[in-house]
Protein backbone atom coordinates (compact mmCIF):
# COMPACT_ATOMS: atom_id res chain seq x y z
CA MET A 1 0.25 -0.29 -0.05
CA PRO A 2 1.31 3.57 -1.16
CA ALA A 3 2.14 6.11 1.72
CA PRO A 4 -0.78 8.65 1.92
CA LEU A 5 -1.43 11.91 0.28
CA ILE A 6 -2.44 14.90 2.83
CA THR A 7 -4.37 17.17 0.69
CA VAL A 8 -5.52 20.80 2.85
CA PHE A 9 -8.18 22.55 1.08
CA VAL A 10 -7.67 26.25 2.84
CA PRO A 11 -10.55 29.34 1.68
CA GLY A 12 -9.12 32.44 2.50
CA LEU A 13 -5.45 31.40 2.10
CA ILE A 14 -5.26 34.01 -1.05
CA TRP A 15 -5.67 37.48 0.08
CA PRO A 16 -8.92 39.42 -1.30
CA ASN A 17 -7.13 42.42 -1.96
CA ALA A 18 -4.72 42.05 -4.70
CA HIS A 19 -2.22 44.76 -4.20
CA ALA A 20 -1.83 43.87 -0.37
CA TYR A 21 1.65 43.62 0.53
CA GLN A 22 3.42 42.57 4.03
CA LEU A 23 0.62 40.51 5.01
CA THR A 24 2.75 37.96 6.72
CA HIS A 25 6.37 40.11 6.98
CA GLU A 26 6.31 39.56 10.82
CA LEU A 27 5.20 36.13 10.89
CA ALA A 28 7.36 33.09 11.04
CA LEU A 29 6.00 30.75 8.56
CA PRO A 30 8.95 28.27 7.54
CA ALA A 31 6.60 25.34 6.43
CA LEU A 32 4.37 27.61 4.55
CA GLU A 33 7.02 29.19 2.65
CA THR A 34 8.90 25.94 2.02
CA LEU A 35 6.09 24.45 0.26
CA LEU A 36 5.25 27.75 -1.56
CA GLY A 37 8.46 27.76 -2.89
CA ARG A 38 9.24 24.01 -3.87
CA ALA A 39 5.58 22.96 -4.45
CA ARG A 40 4.22 22.64 -8.07
CA ARG A 41 1.97 25.56 -8.78
CA GLU A 42 -1.29 24.69 -10.98
CA VAL A 43 -3.57 27.81 -11.59
CA SER A 44 -6.91 27.49 -12.42
CA SER A 45 -10.04 29.52 -12.73
CA GLY A 46 -11.74 31.42 -9.97
CA ALA A 47 -14.60 30.26 -7.93
CA ASP A 48 -15.99 31.47 -4.37
CA ASP A 49 -15.31 29.10 -1.39
CA ASN A 50 -18.50 26.64 -1.66
CA GLU A 51 -18.30 26.36 -5.23
CA ALA A 52 -14.86 25.39 -4.97
CA LEU A 53 -15.20 23.16 -2.44
CA ALA A 54 -18.59 21.55 -4.05
CA ARG A 55 -16.09 21.01 -7.27
CA LEU A 56 -13.39 18.75 -4.63
CA PHE A 57 -16.34 16.47 -3.78
CA ALA A 58 -17.38 16.29 -7.88
CA CYS A 59 -20.50 17.78 -6.68
CA THR A 60 -21.85 20.22 -9.29
CA ASP A 61 -24.94 22.93 -8.99
CA ALA A 62 -24.26 22.20 -4.95
CA PRO A 63 -27.23 23.30 -3.01
CA ASN A 64 -25.90 25.66 -0.51
CA ALA A 65 -29.13 25.05 2.29
CA LEU A 66 -29.39 21.84 1.83
CA LEU A 67 -26.07 20.99 1.61
CA ARG A 68 -25.34 23.27 5.25
CA ARG A 69 -28.70 21.69 6.75
CA MET A 70 -26.90 18.51 6.45
CA GLY A 71 -23.76 19.52 8.19
CA GLU A 72 -25.79 20.88 11.10
CA ASP A 73 -25.14 19.18 14.25
CA ASP A 74 -29.12 18.24 14.36
CA ALA A 75 -29.55 17.51 10.98
CA PRO A 76 -32.54 15.81 10.02
CA PRO A 77 -33.21 13.81 6.83
CA PRO A 78 -34.03 15.74 3.92
CA GLU A 79 -38.11 16.21 3.06
CA THR A 80 -37.84 14.90 -0.45
CA GLY A 81 -39.36 17.56 -2.26
CA ALA A 82 -39.29 20.22 -0.38
CA ALA A 83 -37.27 23.80 -0.83
CA LEU A 84 -35.11 25.05 2.00
CA LEU A 85 -33.31 28.54 1.92
CA CYS A 86 -30.61 30.19 3.98
CA ALA A 87 -32.58 32.57 6.17
CA ASP A 88 -29.71 33.94 8.04
CA PRO A 89 -29.89 36.98 11.00
CA VAL A 90 -28.03 40.04 10.28
CA HIS A 91 -28.05 44.30 10.61
CA LEU A 92 -28.18 46.51 8.03
CA ALA A 93 -26.92 49.92 8.70
CA LEU A 94 -26.92 53.38 6.82
CA ALA A 95 -23.80 54.73 6.16
CA HIS A 96 -23.24 57.52 3.53
CA GLU A 97 -26.21 56.40 1.71
CA HIS A 98 -24.72 53.01 1.48
CA LEU A 99 -26.98 49.98 3.16
CA LEU A 100 -24.14 47.83 4.66
CA LEU A 101 -24.61 44.53 5.88
CA SER A 102 -22.98 42.72 9.36
CA PRO A 103 -22.82 39.32 9.45
CA PRO A 104 -24.86 37.03 12.04
CA ALA A 105 -20.98 36.12 13.42
CA HIS A 106 -21.09 40.08 14.60
CA LEU A 107 -24.72 40.20 16.32
CA GLN A 108 -23.53 37.21 19.02
CA LEU A 109 -26.73 36.50 18.94
CA GLN A 110 -28.24 33.82 22.16
CA ASP A 111 -30.04 30.88 21.47
CA ASP A 112 -32.88 32.26 23.85
CA GLU A 113 -33.19 35.27 21.51
CA ALA A 114 -33.03 33.60 18.47
CA ARG A 115 -35.62 31.49 19.62
CA ALA A 116 -38.15 34.58 20.31
CA LEU A 117 -37.17 35.80 17.60
CA ILE A 118 -38.45 32.84 15.38
CA ALA A 119 -41.11 31.93 17.80
CA THR A 120 -42.40 35.29 16.52
CA LEU A 121 -41.49 35.78 12.94
CA ASN A 122 -42.96 32.34 11.90
CA GLU A 123 -46.45 33.47 13.67
CA LEU A 124 -46.06 36.79 10.90
CA LEU A 125 -45.51 33.74 8.36
CA ALA A 126 -48.17 31.87 9.47
CA GLN A 127 -50.56 34.38 8.42
CA TYR A 128 -48.70 35.81 5.47
CA ALA A 129 -51.46 34.77 2.16
CA ASP A 130 -48.65 36.16 -0.07
CA LEU A 131 -46.10 33.30 0.70
CA PRO A 132 -48.29 30.68 2.49
CA ASP A 133 -46.75 27.60 4.06
CA LEU A 134 -43.63 29.62 5.12
CA ARG A 135 -41.58 28.21 8.31
CA LEU A 136 -38.44 29.00 9.95
CA GLY A 137 -36.06 27.13 11.93
CA ALA A 138 -32.45 27.96 13.68
CA PRO A 139 -30.04 24.82 14.48
CA HIS A 140 -27.25 27.46 15.67
CA PRO A 141 -28.16 31.00 16.63
CA GLU A 142 -26.22 32.36 13.52
CA ARG A 143 -27.93 30.28 10.57
CA TRP A 144 -31.22 30.23 10.25
CA TYR A 145 -33.50 28.07 7.33
CA LEU A 146 -36.57 29.21 6.39
CA HIS A 147 -38.64 25.98 4.83
CA LEU A 148 -41.41 26.17 1.83
CA PRO A 149 -43.04 24.24 -0.26
CA ALA A 150 -41.45 25.06 -3.60
CA ALA A 151 -37.94 27.40 -4.58
CA PRO A 152 -38.76 30.51 -5.50
CA ARG A 153 -37.92 31.78 -9.22
CA ILE A 154 -35.55 34.68 -8.20
CA HIS A 155 -32.00 34.92 -7.71
CA PHE A 156 -30.27 35.23 -4.13
CA THR A 157 -26.84 36.53 -3.44
CA PRO A 158 -24.43 34.47 -1.36
CA LEU A 159 -24.21 35.96 2.38
CA ASP A 160 -20.63 35.99 1.97
CA ALA A 161 -20.52 38.06 -1.04
CA VAL A 162 -22.50 41.01 0.93
CA ILE A 163 -20.66 41.30 4.00
CA GLY A 164 -19.57 44.93 4.88
CA ARG A 165 -20.77 46.30 1.48
CA ASN A 166 -23.52 48.00 0.01
CA ILE A 167 -26.45 45.65 -0.50
CA THR A 168 -28.63 47.85 -2.85
CA GLY A 169 -26.88 45.57 -5.82
CA PHE A 170 -27.51 42.57 -4.61
CA LEU A 171 -31.00 42.68 -3.84
CA PRO A 172 -33.23 39.55 -4.78
CA HIS A 173 -34.26 39.98 -8.64
CA GLY A 174 -36.14 37.89 -10.86
CA GLU A 175 -40.06 36.61 -11.37
CA ASP A 176 -40.75 36.27 -7.99
CA ALA A 177 -38.97 39.74 -6.35
CA ALA A 178 -41.87 41.79 -5.73
CA GLN A 179 -43.50 39.16 -3.57
CA TRP A 180 -39.85 38.79 -1.49
CA ASN A 181 -39.01 42.18 -1.17
CA ARG A 182 -42.39 42.45 0.79
CA LEU A 183 -42.00 39.42 2.79
CA SER A 184 -38.75 41.30 3.94
CA ASN A 185 -39.94 44.42 4.55
CA GLU A 186 -42.92 42.77 6.62
CA LEU A 187 -40.13 40.89 8.42
CA GLN A 188 -37.91 44.10 9.02
CA MET A 189 -40.74 45.82 10.42
CA CYS A 190 -41.47 42.87 12.85
CA LEU A 191 -37.94 42.41 13.95
CA HIS A 192 -37.43 46.28 14.40
CA ALA A 193 -40.13 46.51 17.52
CA HIS A 194 -39.08 42.89 18.81
CA PRO A 195 -38.60 42.85 22.59
CA VAL A 196 -35.80 41.39 21.86
CA ASN A 197 -34.01 43.59 19.77
CA GLN A 198 -35.31 46.76 22.12
CA ALA A 199 -33.36 44.92 25.04
CA ARG A 200 -30.06 44.56 22.37
CA ARG A 201 -30.41 48.29 21.45
CA ALA A 202 -30.81 49.08 25.07
CA ARG A 203 -27.03 47.34 26.42
CA GLY A 204 -25.93 49.08 22.85
CA ALA A 205 -25.66 45.46 21.41
CA LEU A 206 -26.39 45.15 17.14
CA ALA A 207 -30.18 44.62 16.00
CA VAL A 208 -31.34 41.53 14.55
CA ASN A 209 -33.34 43.85 11.49
CA SER A 210 -33.43 41.83 8.70
CA LEU A 211 -32.88 38.08 7.20
CA TRP A 212 -30.80 37.46 4.38
CA PHE A 213 -32.00 34.60 1.95
CA TRP A 214 -29.58 32.68 0.12
CA GLY A 215 -28.41 29.42 -1.20
CA ALA A 216 -32.02 27.80 -2.47
CA ALA A 217 -31.79 24.46 -2.79
CA GLN A 218 -35.18 21.84 -3.22
CA GLY A 219 -34.79 18.21 -3.35
CA THR A 220 -32.55 15.21 -2.36
CA PRO A 221 -29.18 15.78 -1.59
CA PRO A 222 -26.61 15.59 -4.60
CA ALA A 223 -24.44 13.34 -5.47
CA ALA A 224 -20.99 13.77 -4.47
CA GLN A 225 -17.23 11.74 -4.09
CA PRO A 226 -15.13 11.91 -1.50
CA PRO A 227 -11.84 13.08 -2.41
CA ALA A 228 -10.27 11.09 -0.08
CA PRO A 229 -11.34 8.00 2.49
CA ARG A 230 -10.40 10.52 5.53
CA LEU A 231 -12.32 13.84 5.59
CA LEU A 232 -11.40 16.56 8.65
CA ALA A 233 -13.57 19.00 8.74
CA ASP A 234 -16.03 21.65 11.03
CA ASP A 235 -17.65 23.72 8.94
CA PRO A 236 -21.38 23.06 8.42
CA PHE A 237 -21.32 23.15 4.64
CA ALA A 238 -18.12 21.11 4.31
CA ARG A 239 -19.53 18.56 6.44
CA GLY A 240 -23.30 18.37 4.34
CA LEU A 241 -20.68 17.71 1.47
CA CYS A 242 -19.30 14.80 3.84
CA ARG A 243 -22.62 13.62 4.54
CA ALA A 244 -23.44 13.66 1.07
CA ALA A 245 -20.35 11.47 -0.32
CA LYS A 246 -21.68 9.05 2.67
CA VAL A 247 -17.88 9.87 4.55
CA PRO A 248 -18.68 11.20 8.12
CA ALA A 249 -16.54 14.17 9.01
CA GLU A 250 -13.76 14.35 12.17
CA ALA A 251 -13.82 17.32 13.83
CA VAL A 252 -9.60 17.37 14.33
CA ARG A 253 -7.87 20.39 15.19
CA ALA A 254 -4.22 19.33 14.18
CA LEU A 255 -2.67 16.76 12.16
CA ARG A 256 -0.81 15.03 15.23
CA ASP A 257 -4.14 13.60 16.53
CA VAL A 258 -4.82 11.42 13.61
CA LEU A 259 -0.78 10.73 12.89
CA PRO A 260 -0.03 7.94 12.25
CA LEU A 261 -2.06 7.90 8.40
CA ALA A 262 -3.15 4.48 7.25
CA HIS A 263 -5.34 6.07 4.50
CA ASP A 264 -5.53 9.33 1.99
CA VAL A 265 -6.66 12.54 4.18
CA CYS A 266 -8.57 15.71 3.23
CA VAL A 267 -8.19 18.63 5.63
CA ILE A 268 -11.02 21.18 5.30
CA PHE A 269 -9.22 24.02 7.19
CA THR A 270 -11.92 27.54 7.14
CA PRO A 271 -10.77 29.88 10.29
CA LEU A 272 -8.95 31.78 7.59
CA ARG A 273 -12.01 32.25 5.30
CA ARG A 274 -13.96 34.82 7.48
CA PRO A 275 -11.49 36.87 8.56
CA ALA A 276 -10.78 37.43 4.59
CA ILE A 277 -14.11 38.09 3.73
CA GLU A 278 -14.23 40.89 6.32
CA LEU A 279 -10.39 41.96 5.77
CA ASP A 280 -9.48 41.23 9.77
CA LEU A 281 -5.78 41.18 9.35
CA ALA A 282 -5.42 40.18 12.95
CA ARG A 283 -7.55 37.46 12.74
CA TRP A 284 -6.10 36.20 9.58
CA GLN A 285 -2.51 36.20 10.55
CA ALA A 286 -3.62 34.20 14.08
CA ALA A 287 -5.42 31.74 11.72
CA LEU A 288 -2.29 31.05 9.49
CA VAL A 289 -0.01 30.63 12.46
CA ALA A 290 -2.23 27.74 12.81
CA LEU A 291 -2.41 26.15 9.70
CA GLU A 292 1.57 26.49 10.08
CA GLN A 293 2.05 25.22 13.37
CA ASP A 294 -0.83 22.72 13.63
CA TRP A 295 -0.87 21.22 10.03
CA LEU A 296 1.65 21.81 7.38
CA ALA A 297 4.93 21.88 9.92
CA PRO A 298 3.74 18.38 10.97
CA ALA A 299 2.99 17.54 7.24
CA LEU A 300 6.27 18.38 5.75
CA ARG A 301 7.86 16.24 8.42
CA ALA A 302 6.12 12.94 7.90
CA LEU A 303 7.07 14.21 4.06
CA ALA A 304 10.48 14.00 5.06
CA GLN A 305 10.17 11.18 6.85
CA GLY A 306 8.92 9.17 4.29
CA HIS A 307 5.30 9.04 6.22
CA ILE A 308 3.27 10.83 3.46
CA ARG A 309 4.23 10.62 -0.44
CA ALA A 310 2.78 13.95 -0.63
CA LEU A 311 1.06 17.02 0.07
CA ARG A 312 -1.05 19.00 -1.79
CA LEU A 313 -2.67 22.40 -0.82
CA LEU A 314 -5.47 23.88 -2.62
CA ALA A 315 -6.32 27.53 -2.26
CA PRO A 316 -9.62 28.84 -3.89
CA GLY A 317 -10.41 32.38 -4.59
CA GLU A 318 -12.26 34.53 -6.91
CA ARG A 319 -10.19 35.83 -9.04
CA PHE A 320 -8.15 32.20 -9.75
CA SER A 321 -7.37 29.53 -7.68
CA LEU A 322 -3.84 27.74 -7.13
CA ALA A 323 -3.28 24.39 -5.95
CA PHE A 324 0.70 23.60 -4.79
CA HIS A 325 2.20 20.00 -4.94
CA LEU A 326 4.81 18.44 -2.98
CA ASP A 327 5.87 15.06 -3.03
CA ARG A 328 8.76 13.28 -2.07
CA ARG A 329 11.12 12.99 -5.19
CA ALA A 330 9.97 16.61 -5.46
CA ARG A 331 11.31 17.87 -1.87
CA ARG A 332 14.64 16.09 -2.33
CA PHE A 333 14.91 17.22 -6.02
CA SER A 334 14.08 20.96 -5.38
CA PHE A 335 16.09 21.64 -2.20
CA TRP A 336 17.85 24.41 -4.27
CA ARG A 337 14.84 25.69 -4.80
CA LYS A 338 14.29 29.32 -2.08
CA PRO A 339 11.04 29.52 0.24
CA ARG A 340 8.51 31.85 -0.73
CA ARG A 341 6.49 34.14 0.98
CA LEU A 342 2.95 33.42 0.89
CA GLU A 343 2.12 36.97 -0.89
CA ASP A 344 4.49 35.74 -3.68
CA ALA A 345 2.85 32.82 -4.41
CA THR A 346 -0.56 34.00 -4.36
CA GLY A 347 0.04 37.50 -5.68
CA LEU A 348 -1.39 37.18 -9.55
CA THR A 349 -2.46 40.25 -11.14
CA GLY A 350 -3.81 40.78 -14.69
CA ARG A 351 -4.73 38.03 -16.97
CA LEU A 352 -4.67 34.17 -15.60
CA PRO A 353 -1.84 32.51 -16.02
CA VAL A 354 -1.83 29.28 -18.28
CA SER A 355 1.30 27.90 -17.07
CA SER A 356 2.35 26.11 -13.75
CA ASP A 357 5.53 26.55 -12.05
């Protein structure tokens, strides 16, 4: 049996600002920089994080809401034929004539607050004749879902694409847009007057003053193929893909917890994702150090000792995606190649390169 392969999928590794520099200037990242300097780099077309992860699982047209719901701790069997939307609680604020969105994580919503808000909103939905048979549920305070009889004829923008941005150009559009915009207005008025939000405003916390609908899904789980016999992930969307591929996801914090390996393993490392979206450099740098210390440094040692045959690092991005592959032979014969900083290895600008290095 050949030695195992370690694949590490890291959304958020490519910093969104193509012109940023010295992102890692003061960080000690010898393993990452050795890998970036010696590995074979491959460039491919860009994709958002969920789309890129779905591609890794050979899953096309991935239904975001359904897969994320499947990855929740209390994931029920999917309802055949039923439709589902992510309906995440957000805060909208007017700033210089722009309506900016703060994501669920910024609200720090508690379980009892989420339950109280949803109970009231479900009372409104039960009486809402324009769009009947709607029901909200929240397995987690930051992740809400709207159950509905059929998927709407409308285009929704993923939440990650609008965080911190003017939402005016990202509002729902399509055949049913007028109905859904009216529903959003009704929900916003209900939320504004709710005692939970009154109490939150009184103590200086952000109010939950809107829901962001996205990720419409209908039907049964899609077919998916596991990228490795062993999958390590704790992100709900990633865990949903693992369940669709019929391989349980393990929540593992460091490579040392699974060594030695008997089979190929795929690690889905997501702590860089949110800080990159929010341009939070300090949090992003802290997550990068964790990637270095807990995963890449032990993986390179295992490669040098012959315990694994190769290490593959996958970095999706909206402008382009990158893959870095380093096997034992390449590591031995590329010793002359210098370590490479992350900014240099991922700072591609202009036209997408067609060659690999």
